[in-house]
Amino acid sequence: MTTTPTYVVKTLGCQMNVHDSERMAGLLEGAGFTAAPAGTEIADVVVINTCAVRENAANKLYGNLGQLAHAKSERPGMQIAVGGCLAQKDRGEIVERAPWVDVVFGTHNIDVLPVLLERARHNAEAQVEIEESLKTFPSTLPSRRDAIASGWVSISVGCNNTCTFCIVPSLRGKERDRRPGEILAEASALVAQGAVEITLLGQNVNSYGVGFGDRGAFAKLLRACGEIEGLERVRFTSPHPAAFTDDVIAAMAETPNVMPSLHMPLQSGSDAVLRAMRRSYRSDKFLGILERVRAAMPHAAITTDIIVGFPGETDEDFEQTLRVVEESRFSSAFTFQYSPRPGTPAFDLPEIPKDVMAERYQRLHALQERIGLAENQRLVGSTVELLVLDSQGKDVGGRKDAAHSRLSGRAPDNRLVHFSVPDAAPTPRPGDLVTVDVTYAAPHHLVADGALAGGTYSLRRTRAGDVWDQVRAGDHSHGSGGCGDSCGTGGSTSAGGPVGLGIPTLRVS
């Protein structure tokens, strides 16, 4: 008797990598593999989808590969593949440093993964294949989705910006846009599979359409998503402040299913540093965008990215960043200490002393913690509708802690809310929508226990919850939305992984 070979895809990095990993998983399933049980680290094929944005990216990769070397020596026939941005950058160096790796492939040729695995097996030697430009748009490939209630929809790949700290354009290439009809067809197919939320993905979503001559295409795309029946929530990430226009703000405000949440990368509040970064906007323009967004959507939550310690950043520059953060009132911020990346224009610039960078980082972190808490406290007493999160295979979706029996969900503004369900009330499923009262605020989440004292609690069951029930019961017939893997808009769907809403967590599938 033979058993079906298993696979694990381990994702390191951003939402683009998570989306690509779903495609890798779909390709492997199309080639006859099956996903290893949730939480499993070892399988017949282990794929590591790498990131190259941070300095410690290589350490993470080779740490993972070192752990896999012993497992492979004890598991005959096991194969290891490395893909993603670091594979695109380091190429054959990976096999030189880790000769037990079987396949190395880049960001532009995800589609060849099964072929390279078979070739490595047949030839009994490592296969390294890196393309310099995109051959197959990833969204046309079959997918094993990471969630039922939500899905990623890529609207473009690559980036035309030249930020001096960023290695992404050299690894993912120039921006390439999909046609609107393809995007809307994929979104509709995801809804047919049970999704109630989609996130539109691009390195710079608001420059979408330049490739086919329509600078207003992104705003039009948001409005068109509002016409998809059954699509409850639409998000997008990430825009660039330099190209963010008022027509996008109007589309967000006037399209009911486009959520009032916006991730707007600041990077620095100093105009001098922004200039050195080649970020083609200045702090006043950035603050003006936020002002117009809040005028149109008073309850919008705005998140950001900030780099501390870029080469040449002075104390005065850093104080300007603190000033802009104070004025911006971000609901949360992804803050980073500058990480020099070989191949970027900033790599050879003199670095800020590590202790200075660390001290600045701590001050920024403390400021944002205070702001995040204050912004969340403003919501105590408000009533919010939550999309219930998956709980990674547990019996009850979204469980936060056993002591309070709380579940977890995302508000329209993408804030995380842990909520209680009254004893006599029906328990919501992942993908269902509940309405509750916020009773407590912390810097990074809210709590809604009001229903335990007779406050608001209502449940709206959704198609996503129905599909979640079907998957738990072993019925996978919903998986391809009736079009099969050949349509390229999704293969089978898993209820065993986390629901990625907006900005995702890292995952092992």
Protein backbone atom coordinates (compact mmCIF):
# COMPACT_ATOMS: atom_id res chain seq x y z
CA MET A 1 0.00 0.00 0.00
CA THR A 2 1.15 3.57 -0.69
CA THR A 3 0.25 6.72 1.18
CA THR A 4 -0.25 10.17 -0.29
CA PRO A 5 2.91 12.25 0.14
CA THR A 6 2.56 15.24 2.45
CA TYR A 7 3.84 18.80 2.35
CA VAL A 8 4.41 21.77 4.63
CA VAL A 9 4.80 25.36 3.43
CA LYS A 10 6.51 27.60 5.96
CA THR A 11 6.07 31.32 5.33
CA LEU A 12 8.50 34.00 6.43
CA GLY A 13 7.56 37.58 5.70
CA CYS A 14 4.79 39.79 4.39
CA GLN A 15 1.26 39.36 3.10
CA MET A 16 2.61 38.91 -0.44
CA ASN A 17 4.49 35.85 0.77
CA VAL A 18 1.40 34.49 2.51
CA HIS A 19 -0.51 34.86 -0.74
CA ASP A 20 2.31 33.19 -2.70
CA SER A 21 2.41 30.34 -0.18
CA GLU A 22 -1.26 29.62 -0.82
CA ARG A 23 -0.36 29.24 -4.49
CA MET A 24 2.56 26.95 -3.71
CA ALA A 25 0.25 24.80 -1.61
CA GLY A 26 -2.32 24.69 -4.43
CA LEU A 27 0.33 23.59 -6.92
CA LEU A 28 1.54 20.83 -4.61
CA GLU A 29 -1.99 19.55 -4.08
CA GLY A 30 -2.51 19.58 -7.84
CA ALA A 31 0.64 17.44 -8.09
CA GLY A 32 -0.77 14.82 -5.73
CA PHE A 33 0.48 15.98 -2.34
CA THR A 34 -1.69 16.56 0.71
CA ALA A 35 -1.19 19.07 3.50
CA ALA A 36 0.46 17.68 6.63
CA PRO A 37 -1.64 18.00 9.81
CA ALA A 38 -1.74 21.47 11.38
CA GLY A 39 1.29 22.12 13.55
CA THR A 40 3.45 19.58 11.72
CA GLU A 41 6.94 20.82 10.87
CA ILE A 42 8.19 17.81 8.90
CA ALA A 43 6.68 16.27 5.77
CA ASP A 44 7.71 14.57 2.53
CA VAL A 45 8.17 18.03 1.02
CA VAL A 46 8.99 21.10 3.11
CA VAL A 47 8.91 24.45 1.34
CA ILE A 48 10.31 27.58 2.99
CA ASN A 49 8.98 30.78 1.42
CA THR A 50 11.56 33.38 2.39
CA CYS A 51 11.70 37.12 3.03
CA ALA A 52 14.69 39.37 2.36
CA VAL A 53 13.47 42.69 3.79
CA ARG A 54 15.21 42.45 7.18
CA GLU A 55 18.88 41.85 7.96
CA ASN A 56 18.15 38.68 9.93
CA ALA A 57 16.27 37.05 7.02
CA ALA A 58 19.22 34.80 6.14
CA ASN A 59 19.67 33.78 9.78
CA LYS A 60 16.03 32.69 9.91
CA LEU A 61 16.38 30.69 6.70
CA TYR A 62 19.58 28.86 7.61
CA GLY A 63 18.33 28.26 11.13
CA ASN A 64 15.29 26.52 9.65
CA LEU A 65 17.42 24.60 7.16
CA GLY A 66 19.78 23.44 9.91
CA GLN A 67 16.86 21.97 11.82
CA LEU A 68 15.60 20.24 8.68
CA ALA A 69 18.96 18.64 7.85
CA HIS A 70 18.70 16.09 10.65
CA ALA A 71 15.06 15.33 9.84
CA LYS A 72 15.95 14.70 6.21
CA SER A 73 18.75 12.29 7.15
CA GLU A 74 16.20 10.17 9.00
CA ARG A 75 13.41 10.39 6.39
CA PRO A 76 14.32 8.79 3.06
CA GLY A 77 12.94 10.65 0.07
CA MET A 78 12.21 13.88 1.94
CA GLN A 79 12.72 17.01 -0.17
CA ILE A 80 13.40 20.61 0.86
CA ALA A 81 12.61 23.60 -1.36
CA VAL A 82 13.44 27.26 -0.80
CA GLY A 83 11.52 29.99 -2.60
CA GLY A 84 10.66 33.66 -2.21
CA CYS A 85 12.67 36.86 -2.03
CA LEU A 86 15.83 35.53 -0.38
CA ALA A 87 15.94 32.70 -2.92
CA GLN A 88 15.64 35.26 -5.71
CA LYS A 89 18.51 37.22 -4.16
CA ASP A 90 20.96 34.49 -3.06
CA ARG A 91 20.25 31.85 -5.74
CA GLY A 92 22.95 29.16 -5.85
CA GLU A 93 24.49 30.35 -2.60
CA ILE A 94 21.70 28.57 -0.73
CA VAL A 95 22.70 25.15 -2.06
CA GLU A 96 26.36 25.92 -1.39
CA ARG A 97 25.64 26.70 2.25
CA ALA A 98 22.97 24.01 2.67
CA PRO A 99 23.71 21.19 0.18
CA TRP A 100 20.80 19.14 1.50
CA VAL A 101 18.36 21.57 -0.18
CA ASP A 102 16.75 20.02 -3.27
CA VAL A 103 15.11 22.99 -5.01
CA VAL A 104 15.66 26.76 -5.10
CA PHE A 105 13.16 28.91 -7.03
CA GLY A 106 12.42 32.62 -7.10
CA THR A 107 9.56 35.08 -6.93
CA HIS A 108 8.91 34.98 -10.68
CA ASN A 109 8.51 31.24 -11.22
CA ILE A 110 6.35 29.82 -8.45
CA ASP A 111 4.55 27.76 -11.08
CA VAL A 112 7.54 25.44 -11.67
CA LEU A 113 7.78 24.17 -8.07
CA PRO A 114 6.29 20.69 -8.72
CA VAL A 115 8.39 20.25 -11.89
CA LEU A 116 11.59 21.20 -10.07
CA LEU A 117 10.83 18.76 -7.24
CA GLU A 118 10.28 15.94 -9.71
CA ARG A 119 13.42 16.87 -11.65
CA ALA A 120 15.50 16.94 -8.45
CA ARG A 121 14.15 13.53 -7.53
CA HIS A 122 14.84 12.08 -10.97
CA ASN A 123 18.31 13.59 -11.37
CA ALA A 124 19.29 13.10 -7.72
CA GLU A 125 20.75 16.60 -7.59
CA ALA A 126 19.64 20.08 -6.53
CA GLN A 127 17.70 22.18 -9.00
CA VAL A 128 18.17 25.98 -8.94
CA GLU A 129 15.94 27.96 -11.29
CA ILE A 130 15.56 31.74 -10.98
CA GLU A 131 13.73 33.83 -13.57
CA GLU A 132 14.50 37.53 -14.01
CA SER A 133 10.95 38.50 -14.91
CA LEU A 134 7.48 37.22 -14.15
CA LYS A 135 6.40 34.29 -16.35
CA THR A 136 3.02 33.44 -14.82
CA PHE A 137 0.91 35.81 -12.74
CA PRO A 138 0.59 34.09 -9.34
CA SER A 139 -3.15 34.66 -9.08
CA THR A 140 -3.74 32.49 -12.15
CA LEU A 141 -2.33 29.50 -10.28
CA PRO A 142 -4.40 27.07 -8.19
CA SER A 143 -4.54 27.89 -4.51
CA ARG A 144 -5.03 26.14 -1.21
CA ARG A 145 -6.50 29.05 0.70
CA ASP A 146 -5.43 29.81 4.22
CA ALA A 147 -8.95 30.66 5.37
CA ILE A 148 -12.59 30.37 4.46
CA ALA A 149 -14.06 33.71 5.48
CA SER A 150 -11.37 35.86 3.89
CA GLY A 151 -9.12 35.77 0.87
CA TRP A 152 -6.24 37.62 -0.73
CA VAL A 153 -6.67 39.01 -4.25
CA SER A 154 -3.51 40.28 -5.92
CA ILE A 155 -4.11 43.28 -8.18
CA SER A 156 -0.47 43.82 -9.14
CA VAL A 157 3.03 42.50 -8.54
CA GLY A 158 6.31 44.38 -8.40
CA CYS A 159 7.06 48.02 -7.64
CA ASN A 160 8.20 51.04 -9.67
CA ASN A 161 9.43 53.05 -6.68
CA THR A 162 13.12 53.48 -5.86
CA CYS A 163 13.19 53.80 -2.06
CA THR A 164 16.83 53.64 -1.03
CA PHE A 165 16.24 51.22 1.87
CA CYS A 166 14.08 48.71 0.00
CA ILE A 167 15.22 45.60 -1.83
CA VAL A 168 11.75 44.54 -2.98
CA PRO A 169 11.80 46.12 -6.50
CA SER A 170 15.00 44.26 -7.40
CA LEU A 171 13.49 40.96 -6.23
CA ARG A 172 9.91 41.26 -7.47
CA GLY A 173 10.54 43.44 -10.51
CA LYS A 174 8.68 46.34 -12.07
CA GLU A 175 4.99 46.75 -11.36
CA ARG A 176 2.69 44.63 -13.46
CA ASP A 177 -1.07 45.16 -13.22
CA ARG A 178 -3.86 42.67 -13.71
CA ARG A 179 -6.92 43.63 -15.72
CA PRO A 180 -9.91 44.70 -13.61
CA GLY A 181 -12.13 41.95 -15.00
CA GLU A 182 -9.72 39.25 -13.84
CA ILE A 183 -9.58 40.72 -10.34
CA LEU A 184 -13.36 41.00 -10.02
CA ALA A 185 -13.81 37.47 -11.36
CA GLU A 186 -11.43 36.13 -8.72
CA ALA A 187 -13.17 38.11 -5.97
CA SER A 188 -16.55 36.75 -7.10
CA ALA A 189 -15.17 33.21 -7.15
CA LEU A 190 -13.91 33.60 -3.58
CA VAL A 191 -17.36 34.76 -2.49
CA ALA A 192 -18.85 31.71 -4.20
CA GLN A 193 -16.49 29.58 -2.09
CA GLY A 194 -17.74 31.22 1.11
CA ALA A 195 -15.50 34.25 1.56
CA VAL A 196 -17.16 37.35 2.99
CA GLU A 197 -14.02 39.48 3.00
CA ILE A 198 -11.23 40.11 0.50
CA THR A 199 -7.99 42.05 0.78
CA LEU A 200 -6.63 43.58 -2.43
CA LEU A 201 -2.84 43.18 -2.54
CA GLY A 202 -0.12 45.17 -4.23
CA GLN A 203 3.23 46.72 -3.39
CA ASN A 204 1.61 50.06 -4.21
CA VAL A 205 -2.09 49.51 -4.77
CA ASN A 206 -2.96 53.12 -5.53
CA SER A 207 -0.65 53.22 -8.56
CA TYR A 208 -2.76 50.41 -10.02
CA GLY A 209 -3.86 51.15 -13.58
CA VAL A 210 -0.81 53.10 -14.72
CA GLY A 211 0.27 50.05 -16.71
CA PHE A 212 -2.86 50.18 -18.88
CA GLY A 213 -3.33 53.94 -18.90
CA ASP A 214 -6.00 54.58 -16.28
CA ARG A 215 -4.77 56.51 -13.24
CA GLY A 216 -8.23 56.33 -11.68
CA ALA A 217 -8.42 52.55 -11.95
CA PHE A 218 -7.95 51.77 -8.26
CA ALA A 219 -10.85 53.94 -7.12
CA LYS A 220 -12.99 52.38 -9.84
CA LEU A 221 -11.93 48.92 -8.70
CA LEU A 222 -12.99 49.66 -5.10
CA ARG A 223 -16.39 50.83 -6.31
CA ALA A 224 -16.76 47.74 -8.50
CA CYS A 225 -16.05 45.51 -5.50
CA GLY A 226 -19.05 47.15 -3.87
CA GLU A 227 -21.24 45.58 -6.55
CA ILE A 228 -20.26 41.99 -5.73
CA GLU A 229 -23.24 40.37 -4.02
CA GLY A 230 -22.33 38.61 -0.78
CA LEU A 231 -19.02 40.44 -0.32
CA GLU A 232 -19.29 42.01 3.12
CA ARG A 233 -15.85 43.56 3.56
CA VAL A 234 -13.14 44.88 1.25
CA ARG A 235 -9.67 45.91 2.43
CA PHE A 236 -6.43 46.76 0.64
CA THR A 237 -2.73 47.00 1.36
CA SER A 238 -0.55 48.90 0.87
CA PRO A 239 -0.87 52.34 -0.71
CA HIS A 240 1.96 54.86 -1.12
CA PRO A 241 1.40 58.40 0.22
CA ALA A 242 2.92 59.99 -2.89
CA ALA A 243 0.26 58.52 -5.18
CA PHE A 244 -2.72 58.51 -2.80
CA THR A 245 -5.51 60.57 -4.36
CA ASP A 246 -8.82 61.98 -3.26
CA ASP A 247 -10.80 59.76 -5.63
CA VAL A 248 -9.66 56.75 -3.57
CA ILE A 249 -10.82 58.46 -0.36
CA ALA A 250 -14.20 59.14 -1.96
CA ALA A 251 -14.49 55.55 -3.16
CA MET A 252 -13.71 54.25 0.34
CA ALA A 253 -16.25 56.56 1.97
CA GLU A 254 -19.01 55.95 -0.59
CA THR A 255 -18.70 52.16 -1.02
CA PRO A 256 -20.38 50.48 1.96
CA ASN A 257 -18.35 47.27 1.93
CA VAL A 258 -14.95 49.04 1.73
CA MET A 259 -13.81 49.10 5.34
CA PRO A 260 -12.76 52.29 7.18
CA SER A 261 -9.20 51.09 7.74
CA LEU A 262 -6.08 52.31 6.01
CA HIS A 263 -2.45 51.23 6.21
CA MET A 264 -0.41 54.27 5.17
CA PRO A 265 3.38 53.82 5.50
CA LEU A 266 5.05 56.93 6.95
CA GLN A 267 8.64 55.57 7.27
CA SER A 268 9.88 58.88 8.75
CA GLY A 269 8.44 62.18 9.89
CA SER A 270 11.56 64.09 8.87
CA ASP A 271 11.49 65.69 5.44
CA ALA A 272 15.27 65.43 5.22
CA VAL A 273 15.15 61.68 5.91
CA LEU A 274 12.23 61.18 3.52
CA ARG A 275 14.32 62.89 0.86
CA ALA A 276 17.27 60.60 1.59
CA MET A 277 14.92 57.62 1.43
CA ARG A 278 13.61 58.80 -1.97
CA ARG A 279 10.11 58.88 -0.57
CA SER A 280 8.44 61.38 -2.89
CA TYR A 281 6.22 63.10 -0.29
CA ARG A 282 6.83 65.21 2.78
CA SER A 283 5.34 65.18 6.26
CA ASP A 284 2.80 67.96 5.54
CA LYS A 285 1.40 66.02 2.58
CA PHE A 286 1.20 62.87 4.68
CA LEU A 287 -0.70 64.63 7.47
CA GLY A 288 -2.98 66.23 4.89
CA ILE A 289 -3.95 62.81 3.54
CA LEU A 290 -4.85 61.62 7.03
CA GLU A 291 -6.90 64.77 7.62
CA ARG A 292 -8.92 64.22 4.44
CA VAL A 293 -9.42 60.52 5.18
CA ARG A 294 -10.81 61.33 8.64
CA ALA A 295 -12.99 64.10 7.28
CA ALA A 296 -14.62 61.58 4.94
CA MET A 297 -14.56 58.66 7.43
CA PRO A 298 -14.43 59.97 11.02
CA HIS A 299 -14.11 56.48 12.49
CA ALA A 300 -11.32 55.28 10.21
CA ALA A 301 -8.39 53.51 11.86
CA ILE A 302 -5.02 54.30 10.30
CA THR A 303 -1.93 52.14 10.73
CA THR A 304 1.60 52.71 9.48
CA ASP A 305 5.21 51.57 9.07
CA ILE A 306 8.11 53.56 10.56
CA ILE A 307 11.86 53.04 10.26
CA VAL A 308 14.06 54.32 13.09
CA GLY A 309 17.75 55.07 12.60
CA PHE A 310 17.98 55.49 8.83
CA PRO A 311 21.56 56.58 7.94
CA GLY A 312 22.04 60.26 8.66
CA GLU A 313 19.00 60.56 10.95
CA THR A 314 19.77 63.25 13.54
CA ASP A 315 18.16 63.85 16.91
CA GLU A 316 16.15 66.65 15.29
CA ASP A 317 15.00 64.30 12.50
CA PHE A 318 13.83 61.78 15.06
CA GLU A 319 11.97 64.47 17.01
CA GLN A 320 10.14 65.30 13.78
CA THR A 321 9.06 61.67 13.52
CA LEU A 322 7.72 61.78 17.08
CA ARG A 323 5.83 64.97 16.21
CA VAL A 324 4.19 63.44 13.13
CA VAL A 325 3.28 60.27 15.04
CA GLU A 326 1.69 62.38 17.79
CA GLU A 327 -0.36 64.29 15.24
CA SER A 328 -1.29 61.22 13.18
CA ARG A 329 -2.91 59.28 16.04
CA PHE A 330 -2.24 55.88 14.49
CA SER A 331 -4.26 52.99 15.88
CA SER A 332 -1.11 50.88 15.58
CA ALA A 333 2.33 51.08 13.97
CA PHE A 334 4.84 48.56 12.71
CA THR A 335 8.12 50.06 13.89
CA PHE A 336 11.55 48.84 12.80
CA GLN A 337 15.17 49.64 13.45
CA TYR A 338 16.89 50.33 10.14
CA SER A 339 18.27 47.18 8.56
CA PRO A 340 20.91 47.64 5.82
CA ARG A 341 20.25 45.43 2.80
CA PRO A 342 22.98 44.60 0.28
CA GLY A 343 22.03 45.82 -3.17
CA THR A 344 20.11 48.89 -1.97
CA PRO A 345 21.42 52.47 -2.44
CA ALA A 346 21.46 53.04 1.33
CA PHE A 347 23.59 49.98 2.08
CA ASP A 348 26.93 51.81 1.91
CA LEU A 349 25.82 54.82 3.97
CA PRO A 350 27.29 55.24 7.48
CA GLU A 351 25.03 53.59 10.05
CA ILE A 352 23.60 55.16 13.18
CA PRO A 353 25.19 53.68 16.36
CA LYS A 354 23.19 50.68 17.56
CA ASP A 355 22.64 52.08 21.05
CA VAL A 356 21.30 55.37 19.64
CA MET A 357 18.99 53.48 17.29
CA ALA A 358 17.73 51.25 20.10
CA GLU A 359 17.05 54.22 22.40
CA ARG A 360 15.08 56.00 19.70
CA TYR A 361 13.15 52.84 18.93
CA GLN A 362 12.11 52.47 22.57
CA ARG A 363 10.94 56.09 22.73
CA LEU A 364 8.88 55.68 19.56
CA HIS A 365 7.43 52.41 20.80
CA ALA A 366 6.41 53.97 24.12
CA LEU A 367 4.77 56.91 22.35
CA GLN A 368 2.78 54.67 20.01
CA GLU A 369 1.71 52.41 22.91
CA ARG A 370 0.30 55.48 24.67
CA ILE A 371 -1.46 56.69 21.53
CA GLY A 372 -2.80 53.23 20.67
CA LEU A 373 -4.27 52.86 24.14
CA ALA A 374 -5.85 56.31 24.05
CA GLU A 375 -7.35 55.71 20.62
CA ASN A 376 -8.77 52.37 21.72
CA GLN A 377 -10.18 53.84 24.94
CA ARG A 378 -12.28 56.20 22.83
CA LEU A 379 -14.19 53.15 21.60
CA VAL A 380 -15.24 51.89 25.05
CA GLY A 381 -19.04 51.98 25.13
CA SER A 382 -19.41 51.78 21.36
CA THR A 383 -21.22 49.00 19.52
CA VAL A 384 -19.29 47.15 16.81
CA GLU A 385 -19.96 44.38 14.31
CA LEU A 386 -17.22 41.75 14.30
CA LEU A 387 -16.19 39.16 11.75
CA VAL A 388 -15.47 36.10 13.89
CA LEU A 389 -11.96 34.73 13.46
CA ASP A 390 -10.93 31.15 12.90
CA SER A 391 -9.26 29.45 15.84
CA GLN A 392 -6.73 27.31 13.94
CA GLY A 393 -8.65 24.09 14.16
CA LYS A 394 -10.09 24.36 17.68
CA ASP A 395 -13.64 23.25 18.32
CA VAL A 396 -14.89 26.80 18.77
CA GLY A 397 -13.79 29.52 16.40
CA GLY A 398 -11.74 32.43 17.67
CA ARG A 399 -11.29 31.33 21.29
CA LYS A 400 -9.14 33.80 23.23
CA ASP A 401 -8.87 32.28 26.70
CA ALA A 402 -10.58 29.47 28.58
CA ALA A 403 -11.05 31.52 31.74
CA HIS A 404 -13.47 33.93 30.08
CA SER A 405 -14.57 31.74 27.14
CA ARG A 406 -14.02 34.72 24.89
CA LEU A 407 -13.95 34.49 21.12
CA SER A 408 -12.13 36.89 18.82
CA GLY A 409 -13.17 38.97 15.85
CA ARG A 410 -12.22 41.94 13.71
CA ALA A 411 -14.16 45.21 13.71
CA PRO A 412 -14.75 47.07 10.44
CA ASP A 413 -11.73 49.27 11.23
CA ASN A 414 -9.67 46.05 11.60
CA ARG A 415 -9.20 46.33 15.35
CA LEU A 416 -8.96 43.01 17.16
CA VAL A 417 -11.79 42.48 19.66
CA HIS A 418 -12.14 39.63 22.16
CA PHE A 419 -15.82 39.16 23.02
CA SER A 420 -18.02 37.08 25.31
CA VAL A 421 -21.08 35.11 24.28
CA PRO A 422 -24.02 34.94 26.74
CA ASP A 423 -24.70 31.43 28.06
CA ALA A 424 -28.10 31.16 26.40
CA ALA A 425 -26.98 32.59 23.07
CA PRO A 426 -25.91 30.53 20.05
CA THR A 427 -22.15 30.30 19.50
CA PRO A 428 -20.94 31.99 16.32
CA ARG A 429 -18.79 30.16 13.80
CA PRO A 430 -15.70 31.54 12.07
CA GLY A 431 -16.94 33.87 9.37
CA ASP A 432 -20.19 34.76 11.13
CA LEU A 433 -20.86 38.35 12.17
CA VAL A 434 -21.69 39.38 15.74
CA THR A 435 -22.65 42.77 17.17
CA VAL A 436 -21.38 43.57 20.68
CA ASP A 437 -20.57 46.46 23.04
CA VAL A 438 -16.93 47.36 23.76
CA THR A 439 -16.20 47.37 27.51
CA TYR A 440 -12.40 47.56 27.84
CA ALA A 441 -9.41 48.81 25.87
CA ALA A 442 -5.74 47.79 25.73
CA PRO A 443 -3.07 49.16 23.37
CA HIS A 444 -3.47 46.34 20.84
CA HIS A 445 -6.99 44.99 21.36
CA LEU A 446 -10.45 45.64 22.72
CA VAL A 447 -12.67 43.53 24.95
CA ALA A 448 -16.46 43.27 24.60
CA ASP A 449 -18.00 41.61 27.67
CA GLY A 450 -21.14 43.73 27.75
CA ALA A 451 -23.39 40.87 26.67
CA LEU A 452 -22.73 39.09 29.98
CA ALA A 453 -24.49 41.94 31.78
CA GLY A 454 -27.42 42.16 29.37
CA GLY A 455 -25.76 44.40 26.78
CA THR A 456 -25.90 44.09 23.02
CA TYR A 457 -25.38 40.69 21.46
CA SER A 458 -26.69 39.67 18.07
CA LEU A 459 -25.52 37.04 15.63
CA ARG A 460 -25.76 37.08 11.84
CA ARG A 461 -24.90 33.75 10.29
CA THR A 462 -23.06 33.83 6.97
CA ARG A 463 -22.19 31.61 4.06
CA ALA A 464 -18.62 31.51 5.42
CA GLY A 465 -19.87 29.96 8.64
CA ASP A 466 -21.89 27.40 6.67
CA VAL A 467 -18.79 26.42 4.70
CA TRP A 468 -16.77 26.18 7.92
CA ASP A 469 -19.36 23.69 9.21
CA GLN A 470 -19.13 21.70 5.98
CA VAL A 471 -15.34 21.49 6.19
CA ARG A 472 -15.46 20.36 9.81
CA ALA A 473 -17.92 17.68 8.79
CA GLY A 474 -15.55 16.51 6.05
CA ASP A 475 -17.48 17.89 3.07
CA HIS A 476 -14.97 19.69 0.80
CA SER A 477 -17.28 20.02 -2.17
CA HIS A 478 -17.30 23.81 -1.86
CA GLY A 479 -13.56 24.03 -2.50
CA SER A 480 -13.40 25.28 -6.07
CA GLY A 481 -16.62 27.23 -6.24
CA GLY A 482 -17.87 25.01 -9.04
CA CYS A 483 -15.09 25.91 -11.49
CA GLY A 484 -12.40 23.44 -10.44
CA ASP A 485 -8.71 24.19 -10.13
CA SER A 486 -8.46 25.05 -13.79
CA CYS A 487 -10.14 28.40 -13.27
CA GLY A 488 -7.11 29.57 -11.33
CA THR A 489 -9.15 31.24 -8.62
CA GLY A 490 -8.66 28.71 -5.89
CA GLY A 491 -8.40 25.03 -5.30
CA SER A 492 -9.35 23.34 -2.08
CA THR A 493 -9.95 25.35 1.06
CA SER A 494 -8.70 24.58 4.54
CA ALA A 495 -10.40 25.29 7.84
CA GLY A 496 -7.28 24.30 9.73
CA GLY A 497 -5.36 27.55 9.38
CA PRO A 498 -5.78 31.09 10.68
CA VAL A 499 -8.11 33.59 9.09
CA GLY A 500 -5.90 36.31 7.68
CA LEU A 501 -7.79 39.58 7.94
CA GLY A 502 -6.09 42.71 6.71
CA ILE A 503 -2.47 42.37 7.82
CA PRO A 504 -1.91 38.66 8.40
CA THR A 505 0.01 36.69 10.96
CA LEU A 506 2.75 34.38 9.78
CA ARG A 507 1.63 30.84 9.34
CA VAL A 508 2.72 27.28 8.77
CA SER A 509 0.34 25.47 6.42
